[in-house]
């Protein structure tokens, strides 16, 4: 399904090196959006997602530790400069710290 209103939109997806974030980035790319692929620790995953994005549309790779306000600000500014603004932000980045398993 194509959503023409997404064509040309500038979309930044955090946590896009795997899982839901990678799939979200690819879905926006399939709609013709310019996609920013964010990663923190998994550069190889970010590069793989970007390759899939670029097979469909244009995009860029961005690294930032989302716990560091200065890095997040710099990432946002970098994306906005490269893309010409930000239309959509998908805040997907996250991790599970100290999982507890109840038996």
C-alpha atoms as a PDB file:
ATOM      1  CA  UNK A   1       0.000   0.000   0.000  1.00  0.00           C
ATOM      2  CA  UNK A   2       1.335   3.425  -0.935  1.00  0.00           C
ATOM      3  CA  UNK A   3       0.671   6.550   1.114  1.00  0.00           C
ATOM      4  CA  UNK A   4       1.505   9.418  -1.212  1.00  0.00           C
ATOM      5  CA  UNK A   5       1.410  11.922   1.644  1.00  0.00           C
ATOM      6  CA  UNK A   6       4.604  10.317   3.024  1.00  0.00           C
ATOM      7  CA  UNK A   7       6.581  10.731  -0.202  1.00  0.00           C
ATOM      8  CA  UNK A   8       9.367  13.253   0.375  1.00  0.00           C
ATOM      9  CA  UNK A   9       8.777  13.528   4.118  1.00  0.00           C
ATOM     10  CA  UNK A  10      11.883  13.652   6.295  1.00  0.00           C
ATOM     11  CA  UNK A  11      11.715  10.838   8.862  1.00  0.00           C
ATOM     12  CA  UNK A  12      14.179  10.117  11.664  1.00  0.00           C
ATOM     13  CA  UNK A  13      13.865   6.668  13.245  1.00  0.00           C
ATOM     14  CA  UNK A  14      15.830   6.111  16.446  1.00  0.00           C
ATOM     15  CA  UNK A  15      16.953   2.593  17.289  1.00  0.00           C
ATOM     16  CA  UNK A  16      16.830   1.605  13.620  1.00  0.00           C
ATOM     17  CA  UNK A  17      19.713  -0.875  13.628  1.00  0.00           C
ATOM     18  CA  UNK A  18      17.431  -3.859  14.260  1.00  0.00           C
ATOM     19  CA  UNK A  19      13.945  -5.089  15.035  1.00  0.00           C
ATOM     20  CA  UNK A  20      11.005  -2.709  15.069  1.00  0.00           C
ATOM     21  CA  UNK A  21      13.162   0.350  14.302  1.00  0.00           C
ATOM     22  CA  UNK A  22      14.769  -1.247  11.244  1.00  0.00           C
ATOM     23  CA  UNK A  23      11.394  -2.403   9.943  1.00  0.00           C
ATOM     24  CA  UNK A  24       9.897   1.043  10.540  1.00  0.00           C
ATOM     25  CA  UNK A  25      12.737   2.725   8.643  1.00  0.00           C
ATOM     26  CA  UNK A  26      12.261   0.318   5.729  1.00  0.00           C
ATOM     27  CA  UNK A  27       8.493   0.921   5.651  1.00  0.00           C
ATOM     28  CA  UNK A  28       8.977   4.704   5.494  1.00  0.00           C
ATOM     29  CA  UNK A  29      11.576   4.199   2.755  1.00  0.00           C
ATOM     30  CA  UNK A  30       9.062   2.144   0.771  1.00  0.00           C
ATOM     31  CA  UNK A  31       6.776   5.189   0.881  1.00  0.00           C
ATOM     32  CA  UNK A  32       9.485   7.437  -0.582  1.00  0.00           C
ATOM     33  CA  UNK A  33      10.431   9.297   2.589  1.00  0.00           C
ATOM     34  CA  UNK A  34      13.977  10.497   3.298  1.00  0.00           C
ATOM     35  CA  UNK A  35      14.963   8.280   6.237  1.00  0.00           C
ATOM     36  CA  UNK A  36      17.463   8.921   9.000  1.00  0.00           C
ATOM     37  CA  UNK A  37      18.691   5.609  10.425  1.00  0.00           C
ATOM     38  CA  UNK A  38      19.881   6.040  14.016  1.00  0.00           C
ATOM     39  CA  UNK A  39      22.011   3.552  15.925  1.00  0.00           C
ATOM     40  CA  UNK A  40      24.175   3.663  19.029  1.00  0.00           C
ATOM     41  CA  UNK A  41      26.111   0.454  19.570  1.00  0.00           C
ATOM     42  CA  UNK A  42      25.270  -1.616  16.491  1.00  0.00           C
ATOM     43  CA  UNK A  43      26.897   0.192  13.565  1.00  0.00           C
ATOM     44  CA  UNK A  44      26.762  -2.916  11.355  1.00  0.00           C
ATOM     45  CA  UNK A  45      23.010  -3.173  11.914  1.00  0.00           C
ATOM     46  CA  UNK A  46      22.575   0.529  11.155  1.00  0.00           C
ATOM     47  CA  UNK A  47      24.552   0.173   7.939  1.00  0.00           C
ATOM     48  CA  UNK A  48      22.480  -2.853   6.927  1.00  0.00           C
ATOM     49  CA  UNK A  49      19.245  -0.929   7.504  1.00  0.00           C
ATOM     50  CA  UNK A  50      20.608   2.040   5.554  1.00  0.00           C
ATOM     51  CA  UNK A  51      21.447  -0.225   2.594  1.00  0.00           C
ATOM     52  CA  UNK A  52      17.833  -1.431   2.555  1.00  0.00           C
ATOM     53  CA  UNK A  53      16.569   2.151   2.841  1.00  0.00           C
ATOM     54  CA  UNK A  54      18.799   3.356   0.010  1.00  0.00           C
ATOM     55  CA  UNK A  55      17.564   0.557  -2.248  1.00  0.00           C
ATOM     56  CA  UNK A  56      14.203   2.354  -2.096  1.00  0.00           C
ATOM     57  CA  UNK A  57      14.893   6.043  -1.410  1.00  0.00           C
ATOM     58  CA  UNK A  58      17.511   8.355   0.103  1.00  0.00           C
ATOM     59  CA  UNK A  59      18.643   8.421   3.703  1.00  0.00           C
ATOM     60  CA  UNK A  60      21.519   8.829   6.116  1.00  0.00           C
ATOM     61  CA  UNK A  61      23.141   7.039   9.039  1.00  0.00           C
ATOM     62  CA  UNK A  62      23.322   8.738  12.428  1.00  0.00           C
ATOM     63  CA  UNK A  63      24.976   7.689  15.684  1.00  0.00           C
ATOM     64  CA  UNK A  64      24.093   9.008  19.125  1.00  0.00           C
ATOM     65  CA  UNK A  65      23.791   7.828  22.704  1.00  0.00           C
ATOM     66  CA  UNK A  66      20.180   8.714  23.515  1.00  0.00           C
ATOM     67  CA  UNK A  67      21.129   9.103  27.189  1.00  0.00           C
ATOM     68  CA  UNK A  68      23.369  12.068  26.299  1.00  0.00           C
ATOM     69  CA  UNK A  69      21.411  15.240  25.585  1.00  0.00           C
ATOM     70  CA  UNK A  70      24.301  16.880  23.697  1.00  0.00           C
ATOM     71  CA  UNK A  71      24.656  13.875  21.370  1.00  0.00           C
ATOM     72  CA  UNK A  72      20.905  13.776  20.730  1.00  0.00           C
ATOM     73  CA  UNK A  73      20.828  17.494  19.961  1.00  0.00           C
ATOM     74  CA  UNK A  74      23.789  17.158  17.586  1.00  0.00           C
ATOM     75  CA  UNK A  75      22.152  14.159  15.866  1.00  0.00           C
ATOM     76  CA  UNK A  76      18.877  16.044  15.383  1.00  0.00           C
ATOM     77  CA  UNK A  77      20.685  19.074  13.979  1.00  0.00           C
ATOM     78  CA  UNK A  78      22.773  16.878  11.666  1.00  0.00           C
ATOM     79  CA  UNK A  79      19.685  15.101  10.361  1.00  0.00           C
ATOM     80  CA  UNK A  80      17.756  18.343   9.859  1.00  0.00           C
ATOM     81  CA  UNK A  81      20.697  19.815   7.949  1.00  0.00           C
ATOM     82  CA  UNK A  82      21.112  16.762   5.694  1.00  0.00           C
ATOM     83  CA  UNK A  83      17.391  16.214   5.110  1.00  0.00           C
ATOM     84  CA  UNK A  84      16.283  19.838   5.018  1.00  0.00           C
ATOM     85  CA  UNK A  85      14.178  19.575   8.180  1.00  0.00           C
ATOM     86  CA  UNK A  86      12.287  16.985  10.193  1.00  0.00           C
ATOM     87  CA  UNK A  87       8.685  16.035   9.504  1.00  0.00           C
ATOM     88  CA  UNK A  88       8.366  12.824  11.497  1.00  0.00           C
ATOM     89  CA  UNK A  89      10.309  11.522  14.494  1.00  0.00           C
ATOM     90  CA  UNK A  90       9.903   7.893  15.550  1.00  0.00           C
ATOM     91  CA  UNK A  91      11.308   7.476  19.072  1.00  0.00           C
ATOM     92  CA  UNK A  92      12.036   3.763  19.080  1.00  0.00           C
ATOM     93  CA  UNK A  93      15.467   3.571  20.747  1.00  0.00           C
ATOM     94  CA  UNK A  94      15.638   1.649  23.980  1.00  0.00           C
ATOM     95  CA  UNK A  95      17.013  -1.336  25.783  1.00  0.00           C
ATOM     96  CA  UNK A  96      16.134  -3.686  28.576  1.00  0.00           C
ATOM     97  CA  UNK A  97      18.301  -3.112  31.628  1.00  0.00           C
ATOM     98  CA  UNK A  98      18.446  -5.747  34.307  1.00  0.00           C
ATOM     99  CA  UNK A  99      15.692  -8.079  33.148  1.00  0.00           C
ATOM    100  CA  UNK A 100      14.052 -10.064  35.904  1.00  0.00           C
ATOM    101  CA  UNK A 101      12.775 -13.497  35.060  1.00  0.00           C
ATOM    102  CA  UNK A 102      10.087 -14.884  37.321  1.00  0.00           C
ATOM    103  CA  UNK A 103       9.932 -18.640  37.396  1.00  0.00           C
END
